[in-house]
Amino acid sequence: MVKAARAAQAWRTYRSVSQPGSPGLGDRLRALPRMIGAVMHGQYPGMSKGKLAMMGMGVLYILSPVDVIPEFFLLIGVADDFGVFLWLMGSLLGEGGRYVDWERERTGRRVTAAPS
C-alpha cells in the first residue's frame, strides 16, 4: 500500500511539472539551494525546518551504507531505498515548485503559459 502511495505521489509530481505555466523541472532544481537557505533563515513560510530535516535524513538514508533492510536481500533491500528516493524526489520537486511560485508572487513576476 505504501509503495502504491509513493508511486502515485511520483505521478502527481510528474503531472505538475509538465503542466503549462507550472515551473519546469530545471526551475525547480535550481530553486532548491535558494529554498533551503530561505527555510533555514525563516524567510519561506511554506516549509518547516522539521520537513527540511526529514528530507535531509532521506538523503542520508539513501547515501548511507547502513540500511534498515540490507541490499543483500536483493529486491526488498533495493526497494526500500527506491521508496525513500521516490518520496524524496516527489517532496523536493513539489516543494521546489511551490517555492518558485512563492518567489514569483513575492517579486511580482507572472508566469504565462507558452503558446501551444
N, C-alpha and C. Protein backbone atom coordinates (compact mmCIF):
# COMPACT_ATOMS: atom_id res chain seq x y z
N MET A 1 0.81 -1.19 0.00
CA MET A 1 0.00 0.00 0.00
C MET A 1 0.86 1.26 0.00
N VAL A 2 1.94 1.24 0.79
CA VAL A 2 2.82 2.40 0.87
C VAL A 2 3.50 2.63 -0.48
N LYS A 3 3.91 1.54 -1.14
CA LYS A 3 4.56 1.68 -2.44
C LYS A 3 3.62 2.30 -3.46
N ALA A 4 2.36 1.92 -3.42
CA ALA A 4 1.38 2.50 -4.34
C ALA A 4 1.21 3.99 -4.08
N ALA A 5 1.22 4.39 -2.82
CA ALA A 5 1.10 5.81 -2.49
C ALA A 5 2.31 6.59 -2.98
N ARG A 6 3.50 6.00 -2.84
CA ARG A 6 4.71 6.68 -3.33
C ARG A 6 4.70 6.79 -4.84
N ALA A 7 4.26 5.75 -5.53
CA ALA A 7 4.17 5.80 -6.98
C ALA A 7 3.15 6.85 -7.41
N ALA A 8 2.04 6.93 -6.70
CA ALA A 8 1.02 7.94 -7.02
C ALA A 8 1.57 9.34 -6.80
N GLN A 9 2.35 9.53 -5.74
CA GLN A 9 2.96 10.83 -5.49
C GLN A 9 3.94 11.20 -6.60
N ALA A 10 4.72 10.23 -7.06
CA ALA A 10 5.66 10.48 -8.16
C ALA A 10 4.90 10.86 -9.42
N TRP A 11 3.77 10.20 -9.68
CA TRP A 11 2.96 10.52 -10.87
C TRP A 11 2.38 11.93 -10.75
N ARG A 12 1.87 12.30 -9.57
CA ARG A 12 1.32 13.65 -9.39
C ARG A 12 2.40 14.70 -9.58
N THR A 13 3.60 14.42 -9.09
CA THR A 13 4.71 15.36 -9.27
C THR A 13 5.05 15.52 -10.74
N TYR A 14 5.11 14.41 -11.46
CA TYR A 14 5.39 14.47 -12.89
C TYR A 14 4.32 15.30 -13.61
N ARG A 15 3.07 15.06 -13.27
CA ARG A 15 1.98 15.81 -13.92
C ARG A 15 2.08 17.29 -13.61
N SER A 16 2.42 17.66 -12.36
CA SER A 16 2.50 19.07 -12.01
C SER A 16 3.69 19.74 -12.71
N VAL A 17 4.79 19.01 -12.90
CA VAL A 17 5.95 19.57 -13.59
C VAL A 17 5.64 19.80 -15.06
N SER A 18 4.82 18.96 -15.64
CA SER A 18 4.56 19.04 -17.07
C SER A 18 3.37 19.92 -17.43
N GLN A 19 2.68 20.52 -16.46
CA GLN A 19 1.54 21.38 -16.77
C GLN A 19 2.02 22.71 -17.33
N PRO A 20 1.30 23.24 -18.32
CA PRO A 20 1.67 24.56 -18.86
C PRO A 20 1.57 25.64 -17.78
N GLY A 21 2.55 26.52 -17.73
CA GLY A 21 2.56 27.60 -16.76
C GLY A 21 3.16 27.22 -15.42
N SER A 22 3.36 25.93 -15.20
CA SER A 22 3.95 25.44 -13.96
C SER A 22 5.47 25.54 -14.07
N PRO A 23 6.16 25.78 -12.95
CA PRO A 23 7.62 25.79 -13.02
C PRO A 23 8.14 24.47 -13.56
N GLY A 24 9.07 24.53 -14.47
CA GLY A 24 9.63 23.33 -15.07
C GLY A 24 10.62 22.64 -14.14
N LEU A 25 11.06 21.48 -14.57
CA LEU A 25 11.98 20.68 -13.77
C LEU A 25 13.27 21.44 -13.47
N GLY A 26 13.83 22.10 -14.47
CA GLY A 26 15.07 22.87 -14.28
C GLY A 26 14.89 24.00 -13.28
N ASP A 27 13.76 24.73 -13.38
CA ASP A 27 13.48 25.82 -12.44
C ASP A 27 13.38 25.29 -11.02
N ARG A 28 12.72 24.15 -10.87
CA ARG A 28 12.54 23.56 -9.54
C ARG A 28 13.88 23.12 -8.95
N LEU A 29 14.72 22.47 -9.77
CA LEU A 29 16.01 22.01 -9.27
C LEU A 29 16.94 23.17 -8.92
N ARG A 30 16.95 24.21 -9.76
CA ARG A 30 17.79 25.38 -9.47
C ARG A 30 17.32 26.14 -8.25
N ALA A 31 16.03 26.03 -7.91
CA ALA A 31 15.48 26.74 -6.77
C ALA A 31 15.78 26.06 -5.44
N LEU A 32 16.17 24.78 -5.47
CA LEU A 32 16.37 24.04 -4.21
C LEU A 32 17.39 24.68 -3.26
N PRO A 33 18.58 25.09 -3.73
CA PRO A 33 19.51 25.74 -2.78
C PRO A 33 18.94 27.03 -2.19
N ARG A 34 18.23 27.82 -3.01
CA ARG A 34 17.61 29.06 -2.51
C ARG A 34 16.53 28.73 -1.49
N MET A 35 15.75 27.68 -1.77
CA MET A 35 14.68 27.28 -0.87
C MET A 35 15.25 26.83 0.48
N ILE A 36 16.30 26.03 0.44
CA ILE A 36 16.91 25.55 1.68
C ILE A 36 17.42 26.74 2.50
N GLY A 37 18.08 27.68 1.84
CA GLY A 37 18.56 28.87 2.54
C GLY A 37 17.42 29.69 3.13
N ALA A 38 16.34 29.84 2.36
CA ALA A 38 15.20 30.62 2.85
C ALA A 38 14.51 29.93 4.03
N VAL A 39 14.42 28.62 3.99
CA VAL A 39 13.84 27.88 5.13
C VAL A 39 14.73 28.04 6.35
N MET A 40 16.03 27.89 6.17
CA MET A 40 16.97 27.98 7.30
C MET A 40 16.96 29.37 7.94
N HIS A 41 16.73 30.41 7.13
CA HIS A 41 16.71 31.78 7.65
C HIS A 41 15.31 32.22 8.05
N GLY A 42 14.33 31.33 7.93
CA GLY A 42 12.96 31.66 8.33
C GLY A 42 12.24 32.60 7.38
N GLN A 43 12.70 32.70 6.13
CA GLN A 43 12.10 33.61 5.17
C GLN A 43 10.97 32.97 4.37
N TYR A 44 11.00 31.67 4.23
CA TYR A 44 10.00 30.96 3.44
C TYR A 44 9.02 30.25 4.36
N PRO A 45 7.77 30.75 4.43
CA PRO A 45 6.80 30.18 5.36
C PRO A 45 6.17 28.87 4.88
N GLY A 46 6.43 28.47 3.64
CA GLY A 46 5.77 27.30 3.07
C GLY A 46 6.33 25.97 3.52
N MET A 47 7.44 25.97 4.25
CA MET A 47 8.05 24.70 4.65
C MET A 47 8.72 24.87 6.01
N SER A 48 8.55 23.87 6.85
CA SER A 48 9.14 23.94 8.19
C SER A 48 10.57 23.37 8.17
N LYS A 49 11.32 23.74 9.18
CA LYS A 49 12.67 23.19 9.33
C LYS A 49 12.59 21.69 9.61
N GLY A 50 11.51 21.25 10.24
CA GLY A 50 11.33 19.83 10.51
C GLY A 50 11.20 19.02 9.23
N LYS A 51 10.43 19.54 8.26
CA LYS A 51 10.29 18.83 6.99
C LYS A 51 11.61 18.84 6.23
N LEU A 52 12.32 19.95 6.30
CA LEU A 52 13.64 20.02 5.67
C LEU A 52 14.59 19.00 6.30
N ALA A 53 14.51 18.85 7.61
CA ALA A 53 15.34 17.86 8.30
C ALA A 53 14.97 16.44 7.86
N MET A 54 13.67 16.17 7.69
CA MET A 54 13.24 14.84 7.21
C MET A 54 13.80 14.56 5.83
N MET A 55 13.80 15.57 4.96
CA MET A 55 14.37 15.39 3.63
C MET A 55 15.87 15.13 3.71
N GLY A 56 16.55 15.85 4.60
CA GLY A 56 17.98 15.61 4.80
C GLY A 56 18.25 14.20 5.30
N MET A 57 17.39 13.70 6.18
CA MET A 57 17.55 12.33 6.66
C MET A 57 17.29 11.34 5.54
N GLY A 58 16.38 11.67 4.62
CA GLY A 58 16.14 10.80 3.46
C GLY A 58 17.38 10.71 2.59
N VAL A 59 18.05 11.85 2.38
CA VAL A 59 19.29 11.85 1.60
C VAL A 59 20.35 10.99 2.30
N LEU A 60 20.48 11.18 3.60
CA LEU A 60 21.46 10.39 4.35
C LEU A 60 21.14 8.90 4.31
N TYR A 61 19.88 8.55 4.37
CA TYR A 61 19.49 7.14 4.32
C TYR A 61 19.88 6.52 2.98
N ILE A 62 19.64 7.26 1.90
CA ILE A 62 19.98 6.74 0.57
C ILE A 62 21.50 6.59 0.43
N LEU A 63 22.26 7.54 0.94
CA LEU A 63 23.71 7.51 0.79
C LEU A 63 24.41 6.60 1.80
N SER A 64 23.74 6.31 2.90
CA SER A 64 24.36 5.54 3.97
C SER A 64 24.54 4.08 3.58
N PRO A 65 25.68 3.50 3.96
CA PRO A 65 25.87 2.06 3.71
C PRO A 65 25.06 1.20 4.69
N VAL A 66 24.53 1.80 5.76
CA VAL A 66 23.72 1.09 6.74
C VAL A 66 22.26 1.27 6.38
N ASP A 67 21.54 0.18 6.21
CA ASP A 67 20.13 0.22 5.83
C ASP A 67 19.28 -0.53 6.83
N VAL A 68 18.01 -0.19 6.85
CA VAL A 68 17.05 -0.96 7.65
C VAL A 68 16.93 -2.35 7.06
N ILE A 69 16.84 -2.43 5.73
CA ILE A 69 16.79 -3.71 5.02
C ILE A 69 18.02 -3.76 4.12
N PRO A 70 19.01 -4.59 4.43
CA PRO A 70 20.25 -4.63 3.65
C PRO A 70 20.03 -5.02 2.18
N GLU A 71 20.93 -4.55 1.31
CA GLU A 71 20.83 -4.82 -0.11
C GLU A 71 21.01 -6.29 -0.48
N PHE A 72 21.61 -7.09 0.41
CA PHE A 72 21.78 -8.48 0.01
C PHE A 72 20.45 -9.23 -0.03
N PHE A 73 19.37 -8.63 0.47
CA PHE A 73 18.02 -9.17 0.25
C PHE A 73 17.51 -8.55 -1.05
N LEU A 74 18.21 -8.73 -2.11
CA LEU A 74 18.08 -8.07 -3.40
C LEU A 74 16.84 -7.20 -3.60
N LEU A 75 15.73 -7.76 -3.93
CA LEU A 75 14.57 -6.95 -4.29
C LEU A 75 14.07 -6.09 -3.15
N ILE A 76 13.95 -6.65 -1.97
CA ILE A 76 13.42 -5.90 -0.83
C ILE A 76 14.41 -4.84 -0.39
N GLY A 77 15.69 -5.16 -0.37
CA GLY A 77 16.70 -4.22 0.08
C GLY A 77 16.83 -3.01 -0.83
N VAL A 78 16.68 -3.21 -2.11
CA VAL A 78 16.75 -2.10 -3.06
C VAL A 78 15.43 -1.34 -3.06
N ALA A 79 14.32 -2.04 -2.85
CA ALA A 79 13.01 -1.41 -2.89
C ALA A 79 12.84 -0.37 -1.79
N ASP A 80 13.40 -0.61 -0.61
CA ASP A 80 13.24 0.39 0.45
C ASP A 80 14.01 1.67 0.10
N ASP A 81 15.21 1.54 -0.46
CA ASP A 81 15.96 2.72 -0.90
C ASP A 81 15.21 3.44 -2.01
N PHE A 82 14.65 2.68 -2.95
CA PHE A 82 13.92 3.29 -4.05
C PHE A 82 12.66 4.00 -3.55
N GLY A 83 12.00 3.42 -2.56
CA GLY A 83 10.82 4.08 -1.98
C GLY A 83 11.18 5.40 -1.33
N VAL A 84 12.28 5.43 -0.61
CA VAL A 84 12.74 6.68 0.00
C VAL A 84 13.12 7.67 -1.09
N PHE A 85 13.77 7.19 -2.16
CA PHE A 85 14.14 8.05 -3.28
C PHE A 85 12.90 8.67 -3.93
N LEU A 86 11.86 7.86 -4.17
CA LEU A 86 10.62 8.38 -4.77
C LEU A 86 9.99 9.44 -3.88
N TRP A 87 9.93 9.16 -2.57
CA TRP A 87 9.36 10.13 -1.65
C TRP A 87 10.18 11.43 -1.66
N LEU A 88 11.50 11.29 -1.64
CA LEU A 88 12.38 12.45 -1.59
C LEU A 88 12.25 13.29 -2.86
N MET A 89 12.28 12.65 -4.01
CA MET A 89 12.16 13.41 -5.26
C MET A 89 10.79 14.07 -5.39
N GLY A 90 9.75 13.34 -5.03
CA GLY A 90 8.41 13.94 -5.07
C GLY A 90 8.30 15.13 -4.14
N SER A 91 8.85 14.99 -2.95
CA SER A 91 8.80 16.09 -1.98
C SER A 91 9.63 17.28 -2.43
N LEU A 92 10.86 17.00 -2.88
CA LEU A 92 11.74 18.10 -3.30
C LEU A 92 11.19 18.83 -4.52
N LEU A 93 10.72 18.09 -5.50
CA LEU A 93 10.19 18.75 -6.70
C LEU A 93 8.89 19.48 -6.41
N GLY A 94 8.04 18.89 -5.57
CA GLY A 94 6.80 19.57 -5.20
C GLY A 94 7.07 20.84 -4.42
N GLU A 95 7.92 20.75 -3.41
CA GLU A 95 8.27 21.94 -2.62
C GLU A 95 9.02 22.96 -3.46
N GLY A 96 9.89 22.47 -4.36
CA GLY A 96 10.61 23.39 -5.24
C GLY A 96 9.66 24.18 -6.12
N GLY A 97 8.63 23.53 -6.64
CA GLY A 97 7.63 24.23 -7.45
C GLY A 97 6.86 25.26 -6.64
N ARG A 98 6.46 24.89 -5.43
CA ARG A 98 5.75 25.85 -4.58
C ARG A 98 6.65 27.02 -4.21
N TYR A 99 7.94 26.74 -4.01
CA TYR A 99 8.88 27.81 -3.69
C TYR A 99 9.05 28.77 -4.87
N VAL A 100 9.18 28.22 -6.08
CA VAL A 100 9.30 29.07 -7.27
C VAL A 100 8.06 29.94 -7.42
N ASP A 101 6.88 29.35 -7.23
CA ASP A 101 5.64 30.15 -7.30
C ASP A 101 5.63 31.24 -6.24
N TRP A 102 6.06 30.90 -5.02
CA TRP A 102 6.11 31.87 -3.93
C TRP A 102 7.08 33.00 -4.26
N GLU A 103 8.24 32.65 -4.82
CA GLU A 103 9.23 33.66 -5.21
C GLU A 103 8.66 34.59 -6.28
N ARG A 104 7.98 34.02 -7.24
CA ARG A 104 7.40 34.82 -8.33
C ARG A 104 6.32 35.76 -7.80
N GLU A 105 5.51 35.29 -6.87
CA GLU A 105 4.49 36.16 -6.27
C GLU A 105 5.13 37.29 -5.50
N ARG A 106 6.19 36.96 -4.77
CA ARG A 106 6.89 37.95 -3.96
C ARG A 106 7.53 39.03 -4.80
N THR A 107 8.09 38.65 -5.94
CA THR A 107 8.76 39.63 -6.79
C THR A 107 7.81 40.26 -7.80
N GLY A 108 6.58 39.76 -7.88
CA GLY A 108 5.59 40.34 -8.77
C GLY A 108 5.66 39.83 -10.20
N ARG A 109 6.52 38.84 -10.46
CA ARG A 109 6.61 38.28 -11.81
C ARG A 109 5.46 37.32 -12.03
N ARG A 110 4.85 37.40 -13.17
CA ARG A 110 3.76 36.49 -13.52
C ARG A 110 4.25 35.51 -14.54
N VAL A 111 3.78 34.30 -14.44
CA VAL A 111 4.16 33.25 -15.37
C VAL A 111 3.01 33.08 -16.35
N THR A 112 3.33 33.09 -17.62
CA THR A 112 2.30 32.84 -18.62
C THR A 112 2.62 31.53 -19.32
N ALA A 113 1.60 30.85 -19.70
CA ALA A 113 1.79 29.57 -20.39
C ALA A 113 2.32 29.83 -21.77
N ALA A 114 3.20 28.97 -22.23
CA ALA A 114 3.73 29.07 -23.59
C ALA A 114 2.62 28.72 -24.59
N PRO A 115 2.60 29.40 -25.74
CA PRO A 115 1.56 29.08 -26.73
C PRO A 115 1.71 27.65 -27.24
N SER A 116 0.58 27.02 -27.48
CA SER A 116 0.60 25.63 -27.94
C SER A 116 0.71 25.56 -29.44
